[in-house]
Amino acid sequence: MQRIRLTLSTLMVSSLLAGTAARAQTVTGRVVDAGSREPVAGALVLLRGEDGAELRTVADRAGGYTIRAHGPGTYTLLAERVGYRSSPPESVRLAAGETVRHDLRAGAGRVMLAAVTATGRPRACSGNVGRGPEAQVLWEEARKVLAASVLGGEGEQVEFITRMYRHLEVLPSPAPRQRREWTLTARGRPFVVRSVDDLLAKGYVEPGPDSTVFHAVDAQTILSDAFVQHHCFSVREGGRGRPGLVGLEFMPLRGLARPDVEGVLWLDRATAELRRVEYRYTGVGYSGPMERLGGRMSFARLPNGGWIVRDWVVNAPLLDNRVTRDIRARPRVRGTVVTGGEVMEIRVPGQAPVAPAAVEESQRR
């Protein structure tokens, strides 16, 4: 019987600012609210070139930002923030080695999710992966948090104290048979997984001669063009189990031969903030409680208004190792290997350490 492995890791050291050439083209400025002119901490700033390539950064606590372009040319510049409509993009031209000051106004109109309703679940989706108007609204808000979490900690030397754990659960008992915990200190994103290119080439479940690798999903995965092109989307109600939430459900295109993932991005109806992502593996040739095989991740704000993946968990299968003579029998799931982590503390130079929950509470006031 094959062994099961899971790809899941933490960034121990991360370069917080990309290396730049001596004469880099730079745009710097401040993001302010379109109405009050107050600084907008944590605004997502996007710089798009004429070729469609996009660079991103997150505004600091004073609304300040800096983006270094790859080369001279004409760019469009845009500031976005979660829960608000975006202002029109602005044009900026950069000569070789030039630094341009360009202040931005973030949108002031709130995005309203209260009226978004379920549009059906396209279980037989194929060919066209487009999103309807209501699903598109959810995607745009979810995308902002996902993109900001990929940039989590950028530019402020933010450290994350993370509790990692791994334990074994044998069905039907939910009590762990074996458990291991450890703590890590990391800069940059506290949660990263296999590269999107590898997932596209090898899939989310990678069988080998003596082991099977289950690849977890992170924010960068969902943001990728490959993920969007291979999944279709629809609106899903939170219902009694998730009051106050509305979901953007995703599922793989019909006809894909290899294992994939399906799940839901859950957003807060009141604030339009992405709260959590849940997913499960599909197309895996096992029997038993397949709904247990998958993962989730939830999001939290940083002190600077940016976002990180706050906690995550992935369930890989523990397979029955009994030998059977029936060659048609599929391996049976008899438990799960649970791997996860939780950011316990956020440390920013010059400030007292805080827990993610404390940051969220202070920003809601």
Protein backbone atom coordinates (compact mmCIF):
# COMPACT_ATOMS: atom_id res chain seq x y z
CA MET A 1 0.00 0.00 0.00
CA GLN A 2 1.30 3.45 -0.88
CA ARG A 3 2.44 5.96 1.68
CA ILE A 4 0.81 9.41 1.74
CA ARG A 5 2.78 12.65 1.79
CA LEU A 6 1.56 16.22 2.01
CA THR A 7 3.27 19.36 0.74
CA LEU A 8 2.91 22.13 3.30
CA SER A 9 5.57 24.56 4.48
CA THR A 10 6.32 27.86 6.19
CA LEU A 11 8.59 30.60 4.87
CA MET A 12 11.49 30.72 7.33
CA VAL A 13 13.22 33.63 5.61
CA SER A 14 11.72 35.79 2.91
CA SER A 15 13.10 38.69 0.92
CA LEU A 16 10.70 41.48 1.83
CA LEU A 17 11.75 43.84 -0.91
CA ALA A 18 12.57 42.64 -4.39
CA GLY A 19 16.06 43.41 -5.63
CA THR A 20 16.16 46.30 -8.04
CA ALA A 21 18.58 47.65 -10.54
CA ALA A 22 20.61 50.72 -9.68
CA ARG A 23 18.47 52.89 -11.96
CA ALA A 24 15.05 51.35 -11.39
CA GLN A 25 11.91 53.18 -12.50
CA THR A 26 9.89 53.95 -9.37
CA VAL A 27 6.43 55.20 -8.54
CA THR A 28 5.87 56.38 -4.98
CA GLY A 29 3.05 58.18 -3.26
CA ARG A 30 0.21 58.01 -0.79
CA VAL A 31 -3.23 56.43 -0.91
CA VAL A 32 -6.03 58.50 0.62
CA ASP A 33 -9.77 58.13 0.94
CA ALA A 34 -11.59 59.80 -1.95
CA GLY A 35 -13.95 61.58 0.43
CA SER A 36 -12.13 62.31 3.69
CA ARG A 37 -8.57 62.47 2.28
CA GLU A 38 -7.46 60.34 5.23
CA PRO A 39 -4.67 57.76 4.55
CA VAL A 40 -5.86 54.27 3.65
CA ALA A 41 -3.64 51.70 5.36
CA GLY A 42 -3.47 48.33 3.68
CA ALA A 43 -4.76 49.52 0.30
CA LEU A 44 -3.70 47.26 -2.56
CA VAL A 45 -1.79 49.27 -5.19
CA LEU A 46 -1.48 47.83 -8.71
CA LEU A 47 0.83 48.98 -11.49
CA ARG A 48 -0.03 47.53 -14.93
CA GLY A 49 2.20 47.76 -17.96
CA GLU A 50 1.10 48.05 -21.58
CA ASP A 51 1.79 44.32 -21.97
CA GLY A 52 -0.69 43.50 -19.20
CA ALA A 53 1.98 42.54 -16.66
CA GLU A 54 1.03 43.61 -13.16
CA LEU A 55 3.04 44.59 -10.07
CA ARG A 56 1.45 44.90 -6.63
CA THR A 57 2.23 46.29 -3.22
CA VAL A 58 0.33 47.16 -0.03
CA ALA A 59 0.17 50.69 1.38
CA ASP A 60 1.69 51.09 4.86
CA ARG A 61 0.00 52.51 7.98
CA ALA A 62 0.40 56.07 6.66
CA GLY A 63 -0.99 55.13 3.25
CA GLY A 64 2.47 55.28 1.68
CA TYR A 65 3.53 52.97 -1.15
CA THR A 66 6.46 52.38 -3.48
CA ILE A 67 6.52 50.24 -6.65
CA ARG A 68 9.57 49.65 -8.82
CA ALA A 69 8.68 49.04 -12.45
CA HIS A 70 10.60 46.60 -14.65
CA GLY A 71 11.36 49.18 -17.30
CA PRO A 72 10.47 52.62 -18.70
CA GLY A 73 7.09 53.10 -20.33
CA THR A 74 3.47 54.06 -19.77
CA TYR A 75 1.61 52.36 -16.94
CA THR A 76 -1.80 52.43 -15.33
CA LEU A 77 -1.96 52.83 -11.58
CA LEU A 78 -4.85 51.77 -9.35
CA ALA A 79 -5.61 51.60 -5.62
CA GLU A 80 -8.09 49.05 -4.28
CA ARG A 81 -9.41 48.28 -0.82
CA VAL A 82 -11.58 45.50 0.46
CA GLY A 83 -15.28 46.29 0.61
CA TYR A 84 -15.11 49.41 -1.57
CA ARG A 85 -15.58 50.08 -5.26
CA SER A 86 -12.37 50.86 -7.12
CA SER A 87 -11.56 54.31 -8.44
CA PRO A 88 -10.77 54.64 -12.16
CA PRO A 89 -7.14 53.74 -13.03
CA GLU A 90 -4.74 56.59 -13.64
CA SER A 91 -1.95 56.84 -16.20
CA VAL A 92 1.68 57.41 -15.29
CA ARG A 93 4.73 57.57 -17.56
CA LEU A 94 8.18 56.49 -16.35
CA ALA A 95 11.45 57.39 -18.05
CA ALA A 96 14.56 55.27 -17.50
CA GLY A 97 15.74 55.64 -13.90
CA GLU A 98 12.97 58.11 -13.05
CA THR A 99 11.11 58.32 -9.73
CA VAL A 100 7.59 59.74 -9.99
CA ARG A 101 5.40 60.89 -7.11
CA HIS A 102 1.76 59.98 -7.68
CA ASP A 103 -0.86 60.10 -4.92
CA LEU A 104 -3.96 57.94 -5.33
CA ARG A 105 -7.54 58.12 -4.16
CA ALA A 106 -9.11 54.88 -3.02
CA GLY A 107 -12.78 54.36 -3.79
CA ALA A 108 -15.30 55.56 -1.22
CA GLY A 109 -18.44 53.69 -2.34
CA ARG A 110 -19.13 50.52 -0.35
CA VAL A 111 -19.64 47.18 -2.10
CA MET A 112 -22.99 45.73 -1.09
CA LEU A 113 -23.19 41.95 -0.82
CA ALA A 114 -26.51 41.89 1.04
CA ALA A 115 -28.48 41.49 -2.19
CA VAL A 116 -26.27 38.79 -3.72
CA THR A 117 -28.21 35.55 -4.09
CA ALA A 118 -27.37 32.03 -5.22
CA THR A 119 -27.39 31.58 -8.99
CA GLY A 120 -27.35 27.78 -9.13
CA ARG A 121 -24.59 25.20 -8.97
CA PRO A 122 -23.23 24.30 -12.42
CA ARG A 123 -22.23 20.73 -11.59
CA ALA A 124 -21.80 19.95 -15.29
CA CYS A 125 -19.74 23.03 -16.05
CA SER A 126 -17.54 22.70 -19.11
CA GLY A 127 -15.79 24.86 -21.65
CA ASN A 128 -16.80 28.33 -20.44
CA VAL A 129 -15.42 29.22 -17.01
CA GLY A 130 -17.01 32.66 -16.94
CA ARG A 131 -18.63 34.07 -13.82
CA GLY A 132 -22.08 35.63 -13.78
CA PRO A 133 -22.48 39.26 -12.61
CA GLU A 134 -23.11 38.35 -8.96
CA ALA A 135 -20.29 35.79 -8.86
CA GLN A 136 -18.01 38.39 -10.45
CA VAL A 137 -18.71 40.81 -7.58
CA LEU A 138 -17.71 38.14 -5.06
CA TRP A 139 -14.59 37.24 -7.00
CA GLU A 140 -13.39 40.85 -7.17
CA GLU A 141 -13.65 41.25 -3.39
CA ALA A 142 -12.09 37.84 -2.66
CA ARG A 143 -9.26 38.63 -5.09
CA LYS A 144 -8.28 41.74 -3.10
CA VAL A 145 -7.77 39.77 0.13
CA LEU A 146 -6.02 36.91 -1.68
CA ALA A 147 -3.63 39.32 -3.42
CA ALA A 148 -2.94 41.25 -0.21
CA SER A 149 -2.24 38.02 1.70
CA VAL A 150 0.35 37.02 -0.91
CA LEU A 151 2.10 40.30 -0.07
CA GLY A 152 1.61 39.82 3.69
CA GLY A 153 4.35 41.46 5.76
CA GLU A 154 5.98 43.19 2.81
CA GLY A 155 8.22 46.13 3.63
CA GLU A 156 7.77 46.25 7.42
CA GLN A 157 9.93 43.34 8.64
CA VAL A 158 6.84 41.69 10.10
CA GLU A 159 7.47 38.42 11.96
CA PHE A 160 4.89 35.73 12.60
CA ILE A 161 5.02 33.30 15.52
CA THR A 162 3.27 30.22 14.16
CA ARG A 163 2.14 27.05 15.91
CA MET A 164 2.35 24.10 13.54
CA TYR A 165 0.87 20.69 14.22
CA ARG A 166 0.43 17.26 12.70
CA HIS A 167 -1.69 14.43 14.03
CA LEU A 168 -3.22 11.15 13.00
CA GLU A 169 -6.95 10.42 13.23
CA VAL A 170 -8.29 6.88 12.77
CA LEU A 171 -12.01 6.56 11.99
CA PRO A 172 -14.52 6.46 13.52
CA SER A 173 -12.84 8.07 16.54
CA PRO A 174 -11.97 11.77 16.08
CA ALA A 175 -9.42 11.67 18.90
CA PRO A 176 -5.82 11.92 17.59
CA ARG A 177 -3.78 8.72 17.87
CA GLN A 178 -0.52 10.56 17.46
CA ARG A 179 0.17 14.27 17.76
CA ARG A 180 3.15 16.54 17.23
CA GLU A 181 3.37 20.33 17.68
CA TRP A 182 6.13 22.84 17.06
CA THR A 183 6.56 26.63 16.82
CA LEU A 184 8.21 28.60 14.03
CA THR A 185 9.21 32.23 13.57
CA ALA A 186 8.79 33.38 9.98
CA ARG A 187 8.96 36.50 7.85
CA GLY A 188 6.93 36.93 4.72
CA ARG A 189 3.89 34.73 4.19
CA PRO A 190 3.44 32.28 7.08
CA PHE A 191 1.86 29.68 4.78
CA VAL A 192 3.09 28.60 1.34
CA VAL A 193 2.66 25.50 -0.81
CA ARG A 194 3.78 24.01 -4.11
CA SER A 195 4.25 26.45 -6.97
CA VAL A 196 1.36 27.06 -9.33
CA ASP A 197 3.45 25.83 -12.27
CA ASP A 198 4.01 22.50 -10.54
CA LEU A 199 0.31 22.16 -9.72
CA LEU A 200 -0.59 22.86 -13.33
CA ALA A 201 1.91 20.29 -14.60
CA LYS A 202 1.37 17.54 -12.03
CA GLY A 203 -2.04 18.18 -10.46
CA TYR A 204 -3.13 18.43 -6.83
CA VAL A 205 -2.62 14.71 -6.16
CA GLU A 206 0.61 13.23 -7.49
CA PRO A 207 0.89 9.43 -7.38
CA GLY A 208 4.33 7.80 -7.35
CA PRO A 209 5.71 4.26 -7.26
CA ASP A 210 5.67 4.03 -3.45
CA SER A 211 3.90 7.19 -2.22
CA THR A 212 1.19 9.68 -3.16
CA VAL A 213 1.70 13.42 -2.64
CA PHE A 214 -1.28 15.65 -1.76
CA HIS A 215 -0.66 19.32 -2.56
CA ALA A 216 -2.33 21.95 -0.40
CA VAL A 217 -3.95 25.10 -1.81
CA ASP A 218 -2.95 28.65 -0.87
CA ALA A 219 -3.90 32.19 -1.90
CA GLN A 220 -1.40 32.28 -4.77
CA THR A 221 -2.90 29.08 -6.18
CA ILE A 222 -6.44 30.50 -6.31
CA LEU A 223 -5.23 33.80 -7.81
CA SER A 224 -3.41 32.10 -10.67
CA ASP A 225 -4.70 32.20 -14.24
CA ALA A 226 -4.41 28.40 -14.36
CA PHE A 227 -6.82 27.98 -11.43
CA VAL A 228 -9.37 30.40 -12.88
CA GLN A 229 -9.17 28.81 -16.33
CA HIS A 230 -9.70 25.26 -15.01
CA HIS A 231 -12.62 26.00 -12.65
CA CYS A 232 -16.10 27.46 -12.95
CA PHE A 233 -17.83 29.55 -10.31
CA SER A 234 -21.28 30.16 -8.84
CA VAL A 235 -22.84 31.86 -5.81
CA ARG A 236 -23.71 29.77 -2.76
CA GLU A 237 -25.69 30.80 0.31
CA GLY A 238 -24.11 30.48 3.74
CA GLY A 239 -27.35 29.20 5.28
CA ARG A 240 -27.81 28.36 8.94
CA GLY A 241 -24.36 26.85 9.25
CA ARG A 242 -22.61 30.06 8.15
CA PRO A 243 -24.84 33.00 9.06
CA GLY A 244 -23.82 36.31 7.59
CA LEU A 245 -21.67 34.70 4.89
CA VAL A 246 -22.10 34.26 1.15
CA GLY A 247 -19.94 31.87 -0.84
CA LEU A 248 -18.28 31.78 -4.22
CA GLU A 249 -18.24 28.10 -5.09
CA PHE A 250 -15.59 26.73 -7.45
CA MET A 251 -15.42 23.35 -9.15
CA PRO A 252 -13.20 21.80 -11.85
CA LEU A 253 -14.29 21.68 -15.45
CA ARG A 254 -16.04 18.53 -16.52
CA GLY A 255 -13.85 16.06 -18.36
CA LEU A 256 -10.58 16.72 -16.53
CA ALA A 257 -8.93 13.34 -16.04
CA ARG A 258 -6.64 14.06 -13.11
CA PRO A 259 -7.50 14.80 -9.47
CA ASP A 260 -8.44 18.39 -8.70
CA VAL A 261 -10.08 20.49 -5.98
CA GLU A 262 -13.52 22.00 -5.46
CA GLY A 263 -14.72 24.25 -2.67
CA VAL A 264 -16.04 27.62 -1.55
CA LEU A 265 -14.62 31.08 -0.84
CA TRP A 266 -16.72 32.48 2.03
CA LEU A 267 -17.18 36.26 2.25
CA ASP A 268 -18.76 38.42 4.95
CA ARG A 269 -21.96 39.97 3.60
CA ALA A 270 -21.60 43.10 5.76
CA THR A 271 -17.94 43.95 5.01
CA ALA A 272 -17.26 42.03 1.75
CA GLU A 273 -14.12 40.60 3.41
CA LEU A 274 -12.96 37.10 2.52
CA ARG A 275 -13.16 35.08 5.74
CA ARG A 276 -12.13 31.56 4.75
CA VAL A 277 -11.62 29.11 1.92
CA GLU A 278 -12.71 25.47 2.16
CA TYR A 279 -11.87 22.81 -0.41
CA ARG A 280 -11.76 19.07 -0.97
CA TYR A 281 -9.97 16.79 -3.41
CA THR A 282 -11.90 15.34 -6.34
CA GLY A 283 -11.21 12.53 -8.77
CA VAL A 284 -9.18 10.49 -6.26
CA GLY A 285 -9.62 6.72 -6.61
CA TYR A 286 -10.42 5.93 -2.98
CA SER A 287 -13.53 4.75 -1.16
CA GLY A 288 -14.80 5.86 2.24
CA PRO A 289 -15.42 9.36 3.68
CA MET A 290 -14.00 11.37 0.80
CA GLU A 291 -15.51 14.63 2.08
CA ARG A 292 -12.86 14.63 4.83
CA LEU A 293 -10.03 14.87 2.31
CA GLY A 294 -9.20 18.52 1.71
CA GLY A 295 -8.44 21.63 3.65
CA ARG A 296 -9.33 25.14 4.69
CA MET A 297 -7.63 28.45 5.43
CA SER A 298 -8.88 31.61 7.12
CA PHE A 299 -7.67 35.19 6.78
CA ALA A 300 -6.81 38.01 9.19
CA ARG A 301 -5.73 41.63 8.95
CA LEU A 302 -2.22 42.78 9.80
CA PRO A 303 -1.56 45.87 11.95
CA ASN A 304 -0.80 47.81 8.75
CA GLY A 305 -4.20 46.93 7.26
CA GLY A 306 -2.84 44.19 4.98
CA TRP A 307 -3.85 40.54 5.13
CA ILE A 308 -2.35 37.12 5.87
CA VAL A 309 -3.53 33.54 5.99
CA ARG A 310 -4.17 33.28 9.72
CA ASP A 311 -4.68 29.53 10.06
CA TRP A 312 -4.86 26.51 7.79
CA VAL A 313 -5.40 22.78 7.91
CA VAL A 314 -5.11 20.01 5.32
CA ASN A 315 -6.49 16.47 5.65
CA ALA A 316 -4.66 13.80 3.66
CA PRO A 317 -5.93 10.20 3.68
CA LEU A 318 -4.76 7.39 5.93
CA LEU A 319 -5.38 4.28 3.85
CA ASP A 320 -6.39 0.79 4.93
CA ASN A 321 -3.27 -1.38 4.64
CA ARG A 322 -5.08 -4.72 4.53
CA VAL A 323 -4.30 -6.76 1.44
CA THR A 324 -7.21 -7.89 -0.75
CA ARG A 325 -7.26 -10.27 -3.68
CA ASP A 326 -9.90 -8.24 -5.49
CA ILE A 327 -7.90 -6.25 -8.03
CA ARG A 328 -10.94 -4.05 -8.65
CA ALA A 329 -11.11 -2.91 -5.03
CA ARG A 330 -10.16 0.70 -4.45
CA PRO A 331 -8.01 1.71 -1.46
CA ARG A 332 -10.24 2.66 1.45
CA VAL A 333 -9.80 5.74 3.63
CA ARG A 334 -9.68 4.66 7.27
CA GLY A 335 -8.53 7.96 8.75
CA THR A 336 -6.75 11.22 8.05
CA VAL A 337 -3.33 12.73 8.54
CA VAL A 338 -4.09 16.29 9.67
CA THR A 339 -1.45 18.98 9.12
CA GLY A 340 -2.00 22.63 9.92
CA GLY A 341 -0.85 25.81 11.55
CA GLU A 342 -2.04 28.99 13.25
CA VAL A 343 -0.43 32.41 13.55
CA MET A 344 -0.32 33.05 17.28
CA GLU A 345 1.46 36.40 17.34
CA ILE A 346 2.39 39.23 14.97
CA ARG A 347 5.55 41.22 15.67
CA VAL A 348 6.27 44.58 14.05
CA PRO A 349 9.44 46.55 14.96
CA GLY A 350 8.72 49.26 17.49
CA GLN A 351 5.33 47.85 18.50
CA ALA A 352 4.14 45.45 21.17
CA PRO A 353 3.40 41.93 19.85
CA VAL A 354 -0.28 41.33 19.09
CA ALA A 355 -2.48 38.34 18.30
CA PRO A 356 -4.41 38.35 14.98
CA ALA A 357 -7.73 38.38 16.88
CA ALA A 358 -6.71 41.55 18.72
CA VAL A 359 -5.84 43.28 15.43
CA GLU A 360 -9.21 42.39 13.91
CA GLU A 361 -11.09 43.59 16.99
CA SER A 362 -9.29 46.98 17.03
CA GLN A 363 -10.00 47.53 13.32
CA ARG A 364 -13.72 46.81 13.76
CA ARG A 365 -14.11 49.56 16.33
